[in-house]
């Protein structure tokens, strides 16, 4: 979990009279499968066993779900929990202290950005709040880096990439307007990664999006919100990994291959050119086609 703020629970739940005297602080949002203290957690269907141990949390659930919680935590029930979760995150953003921006070398960056040694940033870049850039990084012209991003050492991000931006995980406001969830769970790019021109790495809204050490996103490729990509994995040009996916280590996703959301791709797996994966891909398996199917190795006679 990224610690992005320190907001009192009572302030966040203003308008909920039953919680007006509640103590505790919220620091950010955390994974419903592995919730952490001081966080807002959206529980879509099932709750992790550890919820009862978590302290100073707000759990947003459906009306029929009963959670056994520590007295310092809160459960908010409603018919449309995702909508309530979105409203709470918008309120959290409003309560966070303002951070100004500055112009330098043709870039617009938040005043709290932390930049390591020997970093080169091209012109016309935009860098959001709570961003840390490691040593030896190269960032191409026109790249947009959103809020709450951690970039490791020796990372290359080429021209016009989008890192830590919001993806299409929508909710509805009280008046029915369509909005995307504020992506406050952040984005991590580990050491030695490469993002080629125009690639997209979306931020997380319930769990942090992670691009593992030494991995690549190719030209115009994209990785959706809440994804975890393992080490030394290659997401090729125009390939698309949908939201909530977990991709293992040493995976190859060929150009224009796509996955549906909430899928698992095992270590050393291979998705061929234009493959459309609609089911989990087992470890070391090669798949091609639409829908993607396992390739049977032909025997030489």
C-alpha atoms as a PDB file:
ATOM      1  CA  UNK A   1       0.000   0.000   0.000  1.00  0.00           C
ATOM      2  CA  UNK A   2       1.199   3.503  -0.818  1.00  0.00           C
ATOM      3  CA  UNK A   3       0.958   5.907   2.110  1.00  0.00           C
ATOM      4  CA  UNK A   4      -0.487   8.881   0.266  1.00  0.00           C
ATOM      5  CA  UNK A   5      -2.135  10.835   3.098  1.00  0.00           C
ATOM      6  CA  UNK A   6      -3.125  10.996   6.768  1.00  0.00           C
ATOM      7  CA  UNK A   7      -6.867  11.725   6.836  1.00  0.00           C
ATOM      8  CA  UNK A   8      -9.015  11.250   9.949  1.00  0.00           C
ATOM      9  CA  UNK A   9     -11.717   8.623   9.507  1.00  0.00           C
ATOM     10  CA  UNK A  10     -14.295  10.968  11.023  1.00  0.00           C
ATOM     11  CA  UNK A  11     -13.490  13.620   8.392  1.00  0.00           C
ATOM     12  CA  UNK A  12     -13.692  11.125   5.575  1.00  0.00           C
ATOM     13  CA  UNK A  13     -17.049   9.837   6.853  1.00  0.00           C
ATOM     14  CA  UNK A  14     -18.625  13.237   7.399  1.00  0.00           C
ATOM     15  CA  UNK A  15     -22.321  12.800   6.701  1.00  0.00           C
ATOM     16  CA  UNK A  16     -22.365   9.345   8.337  1.00  0.00           C
ATOM     17  CA  UNK A  17     -23.644  10.322  11.834  1.00  0.00           C
ATOM     18  CA  UNK A  18     -22.990   6.890  13.355  1.00  0.00           C
ATOM     19  CA  UNK A  19     -19.242   7.342  12.761  1.00  0.00           C
ATOM     20  CA  UNK A  20     -18.841  11.019  13.721  1.00  0.00           C
ATOM     21  CA  UNK A  21     -16.826  10.159  16.849  1.00  0.00           C
ATOM     22  CA  UNK A  22     -14.685   7.505  15.193  1.00  0.00           C
ATOM     23  CA  UNK A  23     -10.951   7.743  15.833  1.00  0.00           C
ATOM     24  CA  UNK A  24      -8.205   6.602  13.494  1.00  0.00           C
ATOM     25  CA  UNK A  25      -6.387   7.643  10.342  1.00  0.00           C
ATOM     26  CA  UNK A  26      -6.583   6.553   6.709  1.00  0.00           C
ATOM     27  CA  UNK A  27      -3.305   6.424   4.765  1.00  0.00           C
ATOM     28  CA  UNK A  28      -4.522   5.094   1.406  1.00  0.00           C
ATOM     29  CA  UNK A  29      -6.243   2.103  -0.227  1.00  0.00           C
ATOM     30  CA  UNK A  30      -5.255  -1.557  -0.067  1.00  0.00           C
ATOM     31  CA  UNK A  31      -5.768  -4.886  -1.781  1.00  0.00           C
ATOM     32  CA  UNK A  32      -9.026  -6.661  -0.773  1.00  0.00           C
ATOM     33  CA  UNK A  33      -7.147  -9.981  -0.973  1.00  0.00           C
ATOM     34  CA  UNK A  34      -4.478  -8.711   1.432  1.00  0.00           C
ATOM     35  CA  UNK A  35      -5.872  -5.682   3.296  1.00  0.00           C
ATOM     36  CA  UNK A  36      -3.599  -3.457   5.366  1.00  0.00           C
ATOM     37  CA  UNK A  37      -4.149  -1.208   8.377  1.00  0.00           C
ATOM     38  CA  UNK A  38      -5.212   2.437   7.878  1.00  0.00           C
ATOM     39  CA  UNK A  39      -6.772   1.857   4.459  1.00  0.00           C
ATOM     40  CA  UNK A  40      -9.997   1.918   2.472  1.00  0.00           C
ATOM     41  CA  UNK A  41     -10.842  -1.530   1.102  1.00  0.00           C
ATOM     42  CA  UNK A  42     -13.463  -2.320  -1.535  1.00  0.00           C
ATOM     43  CA  UNK A  43     -14.702  -5.900  -1.035  1.00  0.00           C
ATOM     44  CA  UNK A  44     -16.424  -6.985  -4.219  1.00  0.00           C
ATOM     45  CA  UNK A  45     -17.503 -10.527  -3.331  1.00  0.00           C
ATOM     46  CA  UNK A  46     -15.381 -12.338  -0.734  1.00  0.00           C
ATOM     47  CA  UNK A  47     -13.254 -10.963   2.079  1.00  0.00           C
ATOM     48  CA  UNK A  48      -9.805 -12.151   3.095  1.00  0.00           C
ATOM     49  CA  UNK A  49      -9.573 -13.963   6.431  1.00  0.00           C
ATOM     50  CA  UNK A  50      -7.269 -11.231   7.722  1.00  0.00           C
ATOM     51  CA  UNK A  51      -9.947  -8.496   7.709  1.00  0.00           C
ATOM     52  CA  UNK A  52     -10.698  -9.088  11.378  1.00  0.00           C
ATOM     53  CA  UNK A  53      -7.095  -8.291  12.274  1.00  0.00           C
ATOM     54  CA  UNK A  54      -6.919  -5.016  10.387  1.00  0.00           C
ATOM     55  CA  UNK A  55      -7.052  -1.795  12.380  1.00  0.00           C
ATOM     56  CA  UNK A  56      -8.395   1.637  11.454  1.00  0.00           C
ATOM     57  CA  UNK A  57      -9.835   0.583   8.096  1.00  0.00           C
ATOM     58  CA  UNK A  58     -12.978   1.367   6.139  1.00  0.00           C
ATOM     59  CA  UNK A  59     -14.449  -1.683   4.392  1.00  0.00           C
ATOM     60  CA  UNK A  60     -16.981  -0.986   1.638  1.00  0.00           C
ATOM     61  CA  UNK A  61     -19.244  -3.987   0.952  1.00  0.00           C
ATOM     62  CA  UNK A  62     -22.623  -5.047  -0.361  1.00  0.00           C
ATOM     63  CA  UNK A  63     -25.644  -5.028   1.949  1.00  0.00           C
ATOM     64  CA  UNK A  64     -25.668  -8.777   2.500  1.00  0.00           C
ATOM     65  CA  UNK A  65     -22.041  -9.129   3.612  1.00  0.00           C
ATOM     66  CA  UNK A  66     -21.247  -9.373   7.330  1.00  0.00           C
ATOM     67  CA  UNK A  67     -17.656  -8.806   8.453  1.00  0.00           C
ATOM     68  CA  UNK A  68     -16.251  -9.417  11.916  1.00  0.00           C
ATOM     69  CA  UNK A  69     -13.955  -6.422  12.395  1.00  0.00           C
ATOM     70  CA  UNK A  70     -11.661  -4.869  14.957  1.00  0.00           C
ATOM     71  CA  UNK A  71     -13.513  -2.061  16.859  1.00  0.00           C
ATOM     72  CA  UNK A  72     -11.223   0.496  15.246  1.00  0.00           C
ATOM     73  CA  UNK A  73     -12.502  -0.386  11.751  1.00  0.00           C
ATOM     74  CA  UNK A  74     -15.724   0.471   9.925  1.00  0.00           C
ATOM     75  CA  UNK A  75     -17.944  -1.463   7.531  1.00  0.00           C
ATOM     76  CA  UNK A  76     -20.073   0.547   5.113  1.00  0.00           C
ATOM     77  CA  UNK A  77     -22.836  -1.469   3.422  1.00  0.00           C
ATOM     78  CA  UNK A  78     -24.811  -0.396   0.391  1.00  0.00           C
ATOM     79  CA  UNK A  79     -26.542  -1.775  -2.681  1.00  0.00           C
ATOM     80  CA  UNK A  80     -23.894  -0.401  -5.021  1.00  0.00           C
ATOM     81  CA  UNK A  81     -20.615  -0.596  -3.082  1.00  0.00           C
ATOM     82  CA  UNK A  82     -18.414   0.317  -6.041  1.00  0.00           C
ATOM     83  CA  UNK A  83     -20.236   3.629  -6.383  1.00  0.00           C
ATOM     84  CA  UNK A  84     -19.728   4.358  -2.679  1.00  0.00           C
ATOM     85  CA  UNK A  85     -16.074   3.371  -2.943  1.00  0.00           C
ATOM     86  CA  UNK A  86     -15.633   5.844  -5.796  1.00  0.00           C
ATOM     87  CA  UNK A  87     -17.291   8.637  -3.815  1.00  0.00           C
ATOM     88  CA  UNK A  88     -15.029   7.959  -0.811  1.00  0.00           C
ATOM     89  CA  UNK A  89     -11.912   8.060  -2.961  1.00  0.00           C
ATOM     90  CA  UNK A  90     -13.010  11.361  -4.491  1.00  0.00           C
ATOM     91  CA  UNK A  91     -13.530  12.724  -0.979  1.00  0.00           C
ATOM     92  CA  UNK A  92     -10.099  11.428   0.030  1.00  0.00           C
ATOM     93  CA  UNK A  93      -8.525  13.299  -2.887  1.00  0.00           C
ATOM     94  CA  UNK A  94     -10.324  16.489  -1.849  1.00  0.00           C
ATOM     95  CA  UNK A  95      -9.051  16.244   1.730  1.00  0.00           C
ATOM     96  CA  UNK A  96      -5.427  15.684   0.724  1.00  0.00           C
ATOM     97  CA  UNK A  97      -3.216  18.788   1.091  1.00  0.00           C
ATOM     98  CA  UNK A  98      -2.511  20.760  -2.051  1.00  0.00           C
ATOM     99  CA  UNK A  99       0.866  20.284  -3.749  1.00  0.00           C
ATOM    100  CA  UNK A 100       2.002  22.911  -6.217  1.00  0.00           C
ATOM    101  CA  UNK A 101       3.692  22.432  -9.569  1.00  0.00           C
ATOM    102  CA  UNK A 102       6.810  23.913 -11.101  1.00  0.00           C
ATOM    103  CA  UNK A 103       8.163  24.354 -14.618  1.00  0.00           C
ATOM    104  CA  UNK A 104      11.733  23.268 -15.330  1.00  0.00           C
ATOM    105  CA  UNK A 105      13.528  22.458 -18.583  1.00  0.00           C
ATOM    106  CA  UNK A 106      10.254  22.448 -20.500  1.00  0.00           C
ATOM    107  CA  UNK A 107       8.502  20.040 -18.084  1.00  0.00           C
ATOM    108  CA  UNK A 108       5.690  20.512 -15.595  1.00  0.00           C
ATOM    109  CA  UNK A 109       6.364  18.580 -12.367  1.00  0.00           C
ATOM    110  CA  UNK A 110       4.855  18.431  -8.905  1.00  0.00           C
ATOM    111  CA  UNK A 111       6.907  20.220  -6.247  1.00  0.00           C
ATOM    112  CA  UNK A 112       7.272  17.013  -4.232  1.00  0.00           C
ATOM    113  CA  UNK A 113       8.795  14.880  -7.024  1.00  0.00           C
ATOM    114  CA  UNK A 114      12.007  13.083  -6.006  1.00  0.00           C
ATOM    115  CA  UNK A 115      14.552  12.557  -8.777  1.00  0.00           C
ATOM    116  CA  UNK A 116      17.695  10.435  -8.427  1.00  0.00           C
ATOM    117  CA  UNK A 117      21.137  10.957  -9.898  1.00  0.00           C
ATOM    118  CA  UNK A 118      21.968  10.944 -13.616  1.00  0.00           C
ATOM    119  CA  UNK A 119      18.329  11.222 -14.719  1.00  0.00           C
ATOM    120  CA  UNK A 120      17.406  12.667 -18.094  1.00  0.00           C
ATOM    121  CA  UNK A 121      13.865  13.947 -18.717  1.00  0.00           C
ATOM    122  CA  UNK A 122      12.825  15.120 -22.178  1.00  0.00           C
ATOM    123  CA  UNK A 123      10.756  18.251 -22.846  1.00  0.00           C
ATOM    124  CA  UNK A 124       6.958  18.500 -22.581  1.00  0.00           C
ATOM    125  CA  UNK A 125       6.690  15.842 -19.847  1.00  0.00           C
ATOM    126  CA  UNK A 126       4.154  16.061 -17.021  1.00  0.00           C
ATOM    127  CA  UNK A 127       4.926  14.516 -13.619  1.00  0.00           C
ATOM    128  CA  UNK A 128       2.277  14.229 -10.896  1.00  0.00           C
ATOM    129  CA  UNK A 129       2.435  14.315  -7.121  1.00  0.00           C
ATOM    130  CA  UNK A 130       4.164  11.738  -4.911  1.00  0.00           C
ATOM    131  CA  UNK A 131       6.494  10.473  -7.649  1.00  0.00           C
ATOM    132  CA  UNK A 132       9.954   8.972  -7.057  1.00  0.00           C
ATOM    133  CA  UNK A 133      12.347   8.445  -9.984  1.00  0.00           C
ATOM    134  CA  UNK A 134      15.445   6.309  -9.386  1.00  0.00           C
ATOM    135  CA  UNK A 135      19.024   6.750 -10.570  1.00  0.00           C
ATOM    136  CA  UNK A 136      20.048   6.501 -14.208  1.00  0.00           C
ATOM    137  CA  UNK A 137      16.533   6.789 -15.687  1.00  0.00           C
ATOM    138  CA  UNK A 138      15.734   8.153 -19.132  1.00  0.00           C
ATOM    139  CA  UNK A 139      12.279   9.622 -19.793  1.00  0.00           C
ATOM    140  CA  UNK A 140      11.316  10.617 -23.329  1.00  0.00           C
ATOM    141  CA  UNK A 141       9.590  13.765 -24.518  1.00  0.00           C
ATOM    142  CA  UNK A 142       5.857  14.143 -23.975  1.00  0.00           C
ATOM    143  CA  UNK A 143       5.558  11.381 -21.395  1.00  0.00           C
ATOM    144  CA  UNK A 144       2.886  11.718 -18.714  1.00  0.00           C
ATOM    145  CA  UNK A 145       3.583  10.277 -15.260  1.00  0.00           C
ATOM    146  CA  UNK A 146       0.552  10.333 -12.962  1.00  0.00           C
ATOM    147  CA  UNK A 147       0.348  10.539  -9.171  1.00  0.00           C
ATOM    148  CA  UNK A 148       1.815   8.004  -6.725  1.00  0.00           C
ATOM    149  CA  UNK A 149       4.389   6.395  -9.008  1.00  0.00           C
ATOM    150  CA  UNK A 150       7.657   4.685  -8.018  1.00  0.00           C
ATOM    151  CA  UNK A 151      10.218   4.224 -10.782  1.00  0.00           C
ATOM    152  CA  UNK A 152      13.296   2.118 -10.002  1.00  0.00           C
ATOM    153  CA  UNK A 153      16.870   2.528 -11.205  1.00  0.00           C
ATOM    154  CA  UNK A 154      18.021   2.317 -14.833  1.00  0.00           C
ATOM    155  CA  UNK A 155      14.476   2.511 -16.266  1.00  0.00           C
ATOM    156  CA  UNK A 156      13.939   3.798 -19.796  1.00  0.00           C
ATOM    157  CA  UNK A 157      10.582   5.313 -20.713  1.00  0.00           C
ATOM    158  CA  UNK A 158      10.471   6.492 -24.309  1.00  0.00           C
ATOM    159  CA  UNK A 159       8.418   9.224 -25.972  1.00  0.00           C
ATOM    160  CA  UNK A 160       4.743   9.888 -25.216  1.00  0.00           C
ATOM    161  CA  UNK A 161       4.202   7.077 -22.726  1.00  0.00           C
ATOM    162  CA  UNK A 162       1.411   7.166 -20.137  1.00  0.00           C
ATOM    163  CA  UNK A 163       2.460   5.887 -16.706  1.00  0.00           C
ATOM    164  CA  UNK A 164       0.240   5.725 -13.638  1.00  0.00           C
ATOM    165  CA  UNK A 165      -2.827   7.051 -15.440  1.00  0.00           C
ATOM    166  CA  UNK A 166      -6.457   6.166 -14.790  1.00  0.00           C
ATOM    167  CA  UNK A 167      -8.014   3.237 -16.623  1.00  0.00           C
ATOM    168  CA  UNK A 168     -11.659   2.388 -17.385  1.00  0.00           C
ATOM    169  CA  UNK A 169     -12.838   1.095 -14.001  1.00  0.00           C
ATOM    170  CA  UNK A 170     -16.067   3.049 -13.762  1.00  0.00           C
ATOM    171  CA  UNK A 171     -18.633   3.896 -11.106  1.00  0.00           C
ATOM    172  CA  UNK A 172     -21.718   6.122 -10.965  1.00  0.00           C
ATOM    173  CA  UNK A 173     -22.199   9.269  -8.918  1.00  0.00           C
ATOM    174  CA  UNK A 174     -25.488   9.961  -7.135  1.00  0.00           C
ATOM    175  CA  UNK A 175     -26.800  11.873 -10.154  1.00  0.00           C
ATOM    176  CA  UNK A 176     -25.935   8.975 -12.485  1.00  0.00           C
ATOM    177  CA  UNK A 177     -22.845  10.499 -14.092  1.00  0.00           C
ATOM    178  CA  UNK A 178     -20.214   8.038 -15.323  1.00  0.00           C
ATOM    179  CA  UNK A 179     -16.816   8.412 -13.660  1.00  0.00           C
ATOM    180  CA  UNK A 180     -13.645   6.359 -13.365  1.00  0.00           C
ATOM    181  CA  UNK A 181     -12.441   5.318  -9.919  1.00  0.00           C
ATOM    182  CA  UNK A 182      -9.642   7.531  -8.615  1.00  0.00           C
ATOM    183  CA  UNK A 183      -6.566   5.334  -9.035  1.00  0.00           C
ATOM    184  CA  UNK A 184      -4.929   5.913  -5.647  1.00  0.00           C
ATOM    185  CA  UNK A 185      -3.239   2.516  -5.225  1.00  0.00           C
ATOM    186  CA  UNK A 186      -0.308   3.695  -7.324  1.00  0.00           C
ATOM    187  CA  UNK A 187       2.130   2.260  -9.829  1.00  0.00           C
ATOM    188  CA  UNK A 188       5.554   0.617  -9.472  1.00  0.00           C
ATOM    189  CA  UNK A 189       8.134   0.162 -12.227  1.00  0.00           C
ATOM    190  CA  UNK A 190      10.999  -1.946 -10.939  1.00  0.00           C
ATOM    191  CA  UNK A 191      14.678  -1.654 -11.916  1.00  0.00           C
ATOM    192  CA  UNK A 192      15.803  -2.072 -15.506  1.00  0.00           C
ATOM    193  CA  UNK A 193      12.404  -1.879 -17.236  1.00  0.00           C
ATOM    194  CA  UNK A 194      11.826  -0.533 -20.733  1.00  0.00           C
ATOM    195  CA  UNK A 195       8.673   1.183 -21.996  1.00  0.00           C
ATOM    196  CA  UNK A 196       8.733   1.943 -25.706  1.00  0.00           C
ATOM    197  CA  UNK A 197       7.031   4.913 -27.349  1.00  0.00           C
ATOM    198  CA  UNK A 198       3.306   5.325 -26.736  1.00  0.00           C
ATOM    199  CA  UNK A 199       3.013   2.498 -24.232  1.00  0.00           C
ATOM    200  CA  UNK A 200       0.575   2.666 -21.314  1.00  0.00           C
ATOM    201  CA  UNK A 201       0.901   1.403 -17.737  1.00  0.00           C
ATOM    202  CA  UNK A 202      -2.294   2.157 -15.811  1.00  0.00           C
ATOM    203  CA  UNK A 203      -2.365   2.871 -12.073  1.00  0.00           C
ATOM    204  CA  UNK A 204      -4.151   0.679  -9.539  1.00  0.00           C
ATOM    205  CA  UNK A 205      -7.401   1.583  -7.828  1.00  0.00           C
ATOM    206  CA  UNK A 206      -7.698  -1.306  -5.357  1.00  0.00           C
ATOM    207  CA  UNK A 207      -4.168  -2.750  -5.585  1.00  0.00           C
ATOM    208  CA  UNK A 208      -0.869  -1.363  -6.858  1.00  0.00           C
ATOM    209  CA  UNK A 209      -0.003  -1.974 -10.513  1.00  0.00           C
ATOM    210  CA  UNK A 210       3.505  -3.466 -10.776  1.00  0.00           C
ATOM    211  CA  UNK A 211       5.836  -3.932 -13.748  1.00  0.00           C
ATOM    212  CA  UNK A 212       8.504  -6.379 -12.588  1.00  0.00           C
ATOM    213  CA  UNK A 213      12.275  -6.034 -12.839  1.00  0.00           C
ATOM    214  CA  UNK A 214      13.712  -6.069 -16.350  1.00  0.00           C
ATOM    215  CA  UNK A 215      10.312  -6.235 -18.090  1.00  0.00           C
ATOM    216  CA  UNK A 216       9.192  -4.404 -21.214  1.00  0.00           C
ATOM    217  CA  UNK A 217       6.052  -2.890 -22.702  1.00  0.00           C
ATOM    218  CA  UNK A 218       6.436  -2.534 -26.471  1.00  0.00           C
ATOM    219  CA  UNK A 219       5.417   0.173 -28.901  1.00  0.00           C
ATOM    220  CA  UNK A 220       1.784   1.185 -28.200  1.00  0.00           C
ATOM    221  CA  UNK A 221       1.344  -1.767 -25.819  1.00  0.00           C
ATOM    222  CA  UNK A 222      -0.688  -1.406 -22.651  1.00  0.00           C
ATOM    223  CA  UNK A 223      -1.059  -2.942 -19.209  1.00  0.00           C
ATOM    224  CA  UNK A 224      -4.301  -2.246 -17.344  1.00  0.00           C
ATOM    225  CA  UNK A 225      -5.124  -1.230 -13.790  1.00  0.00           C
ATOM    226  CA  UNK A 226      -4.380  -3.489 -10.801  1.00  0.00           C
ATOM    227  CA  UNK A 227      -2.109  -5.759 -12.887  1.00  0.00           C
ATOM    228  CA  UNK A 228       1.017  -7.498 -11.640  1.00  0.00           C
ATOM    229  CA  UNK A 229       3.618  -8.293 -14.305  1.00  0.00           C
ATOM    230  CA  UNK A 230       6.537 -10.483 -13.258  1.00  0.00           C
ATOM    231  CA  UNK A 231      10.260 -10.196 -13.919  1.00  0.00           C
ATOM    232  CA  UNK A 232      11.858 -10.187 -17.379  1.00  0.00           C
ATOM    233  CA  UNK A 233       8.487 -10.426 -19.109  1.00  0.00           C
ATOM    234  CA  UNK A 234       7.952  -8.944 -22.573  1.00  0.00           C
ATOM    235  CA  UNK A 235       4.633  -7.322 -23.502  1.00  0.00           C
ATOM    236  CA  UNK A 236       5.121  -6.649 -27.231  1.00  0.00           C
ATOM    237  CA  UNK A 237       3.901  -3.829 -29.446  1.00  0.00           C
ATOM    238  CA  UNK A 238       0.124  -3.258 -29.542  1.00  0.00           C
ATOM    239  CA  UNK A 239      -0.417  -6.112 -27.087  1.00  0.00           C
ATOM    240  CA  UNK A 240      -2.946  -5.484 -24.320  1.00  0.00           C
ATOM    241  CA  UNK A 241      -3.128  -6.894 -20.797  1.00  0.00           C
ATOM    242  CA  UNK A 242      -6.562  -6.146 -19.332  1.00  0.00           C
ATOM    243  CA  UNK A 243      -7.188  -5.029 -15.769  1.00  0.00           C
ATOM    244  CA  UNK A 244      -6.674  -7.193 -12.674  1.00  0.00           C
ATOM    245  CA  UNK A 245      -4.406  -9.679 -14.477  1.00  0.00           C
ATOM    246  CA  UNK A 246      -1.358 -11.418 -13.038  1.00  0.00           C
ATOM    247  CA  UNK A 247       1.389 -12.213 -15.527  1.00  0.00           C
ATOM    248  CA  UNK A 248       4.294 -14.376 -14.390  1.00  0.00           C
ATOM    249  CA  UNK A 249       8.061 -14.198 -14.876  1.00  0.00           C
ATOM    250  CA  UNK A 250       9.755 -14.684 -18.272  1.00  0.00           C
ATOM    251  CA  UNK A 251       6.452 -14.503 -20.177  1.00  0.00           C
ATOM    252  CA  UNK A 252       6.312 -13.476 -23.840  1.00  0.00           C
ATOM    253  CA  UNK A 253       3.184 -11.742 -25.135  1.00  0.00           C
ATOM    254  CA  UNK A 254       3.532 -11.315 -28.902  1.00  0.00           C
ATOM    255  CA  UNK A 255       2.369  -8.264 -30.894  1.00  0.00           C
ATOM    256  CA  UNK A 256      -1.390  -7.618 -30.869  1.00  0.00           C
ATOM    257  CA  UNK A 257      -2.117 -10.423 -28.383  1.00  0.00           C
ATOM    258  CA  UNK A 258      -4.735  -9.568 -25.750  1.00  0.00           C
ATOM    259  CA  UNK A 259      -6.097 -10.973 -22.506  1.00  0.00           C
ATOM    260  CA  UNK A 260      -9.472 -10.601 -20.870  1.00  0.00           C
ATOM    261  CA  UNK A 261      -9.482  -9.183 -17.367  1.00  0.00           C
ATOM    262  CA  UNK A 262      -8.797 -11.051 -14.111  1.00  0.00           C
ATOM    263  CA  UNK A 263      -6.656 -13.669 -15.821  1.00  0.00           C
ATOM    264  CA  UNK A 264      -3.497 -15.443 -14.701  1.00  0.00           C
ATOM    265  CA  UNK A 265      -0.629 -16.108 -17.097  1.00  0.00           C
ATOM    266  CA  UNK A 266       1.912 -18.553 -15.701  1.00  0.00           C
ATOM    267  CA  UNK A 267       5.701 -18.245 -15.716  1.00  0.00           C
ATOM    268  CA  UNK A 268       7.445 -18.877 -19.065  1.00  0.00           C
ATOM    269  CA  UNK A 269       4.111 -18.862 -20.928  1.00  0.00           C
ATOM    270  CA  UNK A 270       3.877 -17.690 -24.553  1.00  0.00           C
ATOM    271  CA  UNK A 271       0.976 -15.921 -26.271  1.00  0.00           C
ATOM    272  CA  UNK A 272       1.394 -15.840 -30.045  1.00  0.00           C
ATOM    273  CA  UNK A 273       0.718 -13.005 -32.463  1.00  0.00           C
ATOM    274  CA  UNK A 274      -2.895 -11.838 -32.239  1.00  0.00           C
ATOM    275  CA  UNK A 275      -3.852 -14.439 -29.631  1.00  0.00           C
ATOM    276  CA  UNK A 276      -7.004 -13.668 -27.606  1.00  0.00           C
ATOM    277  CA  UNK A 277      -6.645 -15.308 -24.197  1.00  0.00           C
ATOM    278  CA  UNK A 278     -10.000 -15.747 -22.437  1.00  0.00           C
ATOM    279  CA  UNK A 279      -8.873 -18.313 -19.843  1.00  0.00           C
ATOM    280  CA  UNK A 280      -5.869 -18.641 -17.544  1.00  0.00           C
ATOM    281  CA  UNK A 281      -2.687 -19.637 -19.359  1.00  0.00           C
ATOM    282  CA  UNK A 282      -0.756 -22.399 -17.541  1.00  0.00           C
ATOM    283  CA  UNK A 283       2.963 -22.203 -16.840  1.00  0.00           C
ATOM    284  CA  UNK A 284       5.239 -22.757 -19.874  1.00  0.00           C
ATOM    285  CA  UNK A 285       2.285 -23.210 -22.232  1.00  0.00           C
ATOM    286  CA  UNK A 286       2.240 -21.783 -25.771  1.00  0.00           C
ATOM    287  CA  UNK A 287      -1.095 -20.519 -27.060  1.00  0.00           C
ATOM    288  CA  UNK A 288      -2.228 -19.089 -30.406  1.00  0.00           C
ATOM    289  CA  UNK A 289      -5.501 -18.106 -32.024  1.00  0.00           C
ATOM    290  CA  UNK A 290      -8.880 -16.591 -31.132  1.00  0.00           C
ATOM    291  CA  UNK A 291      -9.782 -17.851 -28.645  1.00  0.00           C
ATOM    292  CA  UNK A 292      -6.227 -18.777 -27.687  1.00  0.00           C
ATOM    293  CA  UNK A 293      -5.520 -22.505 -27.544  1.00  0.00           C
ATOM    294  CA  UNK A 294      -2.576 -24.619 -26.589  1.00  0.00           C
ATOM    295  CA  UNK A 295      -0.171 -25.425 -29.403  1.00  0.00           C
ATOM    296  CA  UNK A 296       0.526 -29.132 -29.722  1.00  0.00           C
ATOM    297  CA  UNK A 297       4.127 -29.831 -30.638  1.00  0.00           C
ATOM    298  CA  UNK A 298       4.300 -31.827 -33.869  1.00  0.00           C
ATOM    299  CA  UNK A 299       6.499 -34.890 -33.876  1.00  0.00           C
ATOM    300  CA  UNK A 300       9.084 -35.277 -36.560  1.00  0.00           C
ATOM    301  CA  UNK A 301       8.863 -38.584 -38.380  1.00  0.00           C
END
